[in-house]
């Protein structure tokens, strides 16, 4: 009888320990950030920037960059000036990821609708076509204008 009682006490404590471990594991698994962050640098004043359905009016360049917390998935950023779209780009963001976008109207790779002439769809733009911007990792980047400091 004494051995049976000790086994029951031991079984209850081990069971409680296992339940506690499972609960803590689930809490730790879901405690990280569930959103990503998009940072949009705008190159022109007096424009409207839309990130999905959120609208931002940029009166001066002092009001940039625009920082948006977004759920993981596919999103679209669009910049309009005087009622016409001058920049549009789709991007994908993961939980905890930070995406930096440069919204300007001089892209020649299709993101700026008015500057797509003379560009073949298979070749990336040259620095001359992109106004001095260089291609890196499939995205146009100009470090001197938009420095990324860790």
Protein backbone atom coordinates (compact mmCIF):
# COMPACT_ATOMS: atom_id res chain seq x y z
CA UNK A 1 0.00 0.00 0.00
CA UNK A 2 2.83 2.38 0.81
CA UNK A 3 4.55 1.63 -2.50
CA UNK A 4 1.30 2.17 -4.37
CA UNK A 5 0.82 5.57 -2.68
CA UNK A 6 4.39 6.64 -3.48
CA UNK A 7 3.94 5.60 -7.14
CA UNK A 8 0.73 7.67 -7.38
CA UNK A 9 2.42 10.75 -5.86
CA UNK A 10 5.38 10.33 -8.20
CA UNK A 11 3.07 9.86 -11.23
CA UNK A 12 1.11 13.05 -10.34
CA UNK A 13 4.31 15.08 -10.05
CA UNK A 14 5.74 13.76 -13.32
CA UNK A 15 2.39 14.42 -15.03
CA UNK A 16 2.28 17.98 -13.67
CA UNK A 17 5.85 18.52 -14.83
CA UNK A 18 5.02 17.27 -18.35
CA UNK A 19 1.88 19.44 -18.60
CA UNK A 20 3.87 22.49 -17.44
CA UNK A 21 6.61 21.78 -19.98
CA UNK A 22 4.08 21.48 -22.83
CA UNK A 23 2.41 24.76 -21.84
CA UNK A 24 5.74 26.61 -21.59
CA UNK A 25 6.83 25.18 -24.94
CA UNK A 26 3.64 26.48 -26.59
CA UNK A 27 4.06 29.92 -25.00
CA UNK A 28 7.69 30.12 -26.14
CA UNK A 29 6.73 28.99 -29.64
CA UNK A 30 4.15 31.77 -30.04
CA UNK A 31 5.85 34.58 -28.11
CA UNK A 32 7.92 35.92 -31.03
CA UNK A 33 6.86 38.75 -33.25
CA UNK A 34 4.06 37.91 -35.67
CA UNK A 35 4.46 40.97 -37.90
CA UNK A 36 7.05 42.24 -40.31
CA UNK A 37 8.05 45.81 -40.97
CA UNK A 38 8.16 47.70 -44.26
CA UNK A 39 10.19 50.89 -44.39
CA UNK A 40 9.33 53.03 -47.41
CA UNK A 41 11.71 55.84 -48.38
CA UNK A 42 9.93 58.41 -50.55
CA UNK A 43 11.90 60.52 -53.05
CA UNK A 44 9.35 63.21 -53.93
CA UNK A 45 7.24 65.66 -51.92
CA UNK A 46 3.48 66.11 -52.28
CA UNK A 47 2.74 62.46 -53.06
CA UNK A 48 0.33 59.90 -51.72
CA UNK A 49 1.83 56.57 -50.70
CA UNK A 50 -0.40 53.54 -50.24
CA UNK A 51 0.77 50.39 -48.50
CA UNK A 52 -2.06 47.95 -49.14
CA UNK A 53 -5.11 49.95 -47.96
CA UNK A 54 -3.26 52.38 -45.66
CA UNK A 55 -2.81 55.87 -47.16
CA UNK A 56 -0.01 58.28 -46.25
CA UNK A 57 0.23 61.85 -47.54
CA UNK A 58 3.85 63.01 -47.82
CA UNK A 59 3.90 66.80 -47.92
CA UNK A 60 7.70 67.15 -47.47
CA UNK A 61 10.63 64.75 -47.48
CA UNK A 62 11.00 65.34 -43.73
CA UNK A 63 7.97 63.08 -43.28
CA UNK A 64 9.82 60.01 -44.57
CA UNK A 65 10.56 57.18 -44.20
CA UNK A 66 7.15 55.61 -43.70
CA UNK A 67 7.27 52.64 -41.32
CA UNK A 68 4.47 50.06 -41.53
CA UNK A 69 3.94 47.00 -39.35
CA UNK A 70 2.45 44.33 -41.61
CA UNK A 71 1.25 40.77 -41.27
CA UNK A 72 3.33 38.16 -43.10
CA UNK A 73 2.42 37.71 -46.75
CA UNK A 74 2.27 39.60 -50.03
CA UNK A 75 1.76 43.37 -50.01
CA UNK A 76 1.77 46.26 -52.48
CA UNK A 77 3.21 49.76 -52.16
CA UNK A 78 2.04 52.44 -54.58
CA UNK A 79 3.04 56.11 -54.93
CA UNK A 80 0.75 58.57 -56.72
CA UNK A 81 1.38 62.17 -57.67
CA UNK A 82 -1.35 64.44 -59.05
CA UNK A 83 -3.69 61.47 -59.43
CA UNK A 84 -1.36 59.26 -61.49
CA UNK A 85 0.59 56.24 -60.28
CA UNK A 86 4.33 56.92 -60.58
CA UNK A 87 5.60 53.87 -58.64
CA UNK A 88 4.15 50.48 -57.77
CA UNK A 89 5.82 47.38 -56.34
CA UNK A 90 4.62 44.13 -54.82
CA UNK A 91 6.70 42.58 -52.05
CA UNK A 92 6.52 39.68 -49.64
CA UNK A 93 7.29 39.96 -45.96
CA UNK A 94 7.79 37.29 -43.29
CA UNK A 95 7.23 37.48 -39.54
CA UNK A 96 10.02 39.49 -37.94
CA UNK A 97 11.43 40.55 -41.33
CA UNK A 98 12.27 44.12 -42.26
CA UNK A 99 11.88 45.18 -45.91
CA UNK A 100 13.29 48.50 -47.12
CA UNK A 101 11.73 50.01 -50.26
CA UNK A 102 12.69 53.13 -52.20
CA UNK A 103 9.62 54.74 -53.77
CA UNK A 104 10.64 57.01 -56.63
CA UNK A 105 9.46 57.61 -60.16
CA UNK A 106 12.69 56.85 -62.02
CA UNK A 107 12.70 53.04 -62.10
CA UNK A 108 13.05 51.60 -65.59
CA UNK A 109 12.20 47.99 -64.72
CA UNK A 110 8.42 48.34 -64.65
CA UNK A 111 7.91 49.74 -61.16
CA UNK A 112 7.58 53.26 -62.61
CA UNK A 113 4.95 53.03 -65.38
CA UNK A 114 6.25 56.02 -67.37
CA UNK A 115 9.90 54.84 -67.50
CA UNK A 116 9.64 51.38 -69.06
CA UNK A 117 10.58 52.24 -72.64
CA UNK A 118 13.82 50.78 -73.97
CA UNK A 119 14.03 48.02 -71.39
CA UNK A 120 13.88 44.38 -72.34
CA UNK A 121 11.98 42.21 -69.89
CA UNK A 122 14.86 39.72 -69.54
CA UNK A 123 17.73 42.09 -68.74
CA UNK A 124 18.09 44.19 -65.59
CA UNK A 125 18.48 47.93 -66.11
CA UNK A 126 21.94 49.39 -66.53
CA UNK A 127 23.09 52.14 -64.14
CA UNK A 128 22.64 54.62 -67.01
CA UNK A 129 19.02 53.50 -67.54
CA UNK A 130 18.27 53.64 -63.83
CA UNK A 131 19.65 57.12 -63.23
CA UNK A 132 22.81 56.02 -61.44
CA UNK A 133 21.19 53.32 -59.35
CA UNK A 134 22.84 49.92 -59.30
CA UNK A 135 21.33 46.46 -59.22
CA UNK A 136 22.02 44.36 -56.13
CA UNK A 137 20.13 41.20 -55.14
CA UNK A 138 17.42 41.92 -57.70
CA UNK A 139 16.54 45.28 -56.16
CA UNK A 140 17.75 48.74 -57.18
CA UNK A 141 19.74 50.33 -54.38
CA UNK A 142 21.62 53.60 -54.02
CA UNK A 143 23.47 53.55 -50.73
CA UNK A 144 24.42 57.22 -50.83
CA UNK A 145 20.76 58.27 -50.72
CA UNK A 146 19.27 55.56 -48.49
CA UNK A 147 22.01 54.30 -46.15
CA UNK A 148 21.17 51.19 -44.18
CA UNK A 149 22.99 51.32 -40.85
CA UNK A 150 22.82 48.21 -38.64
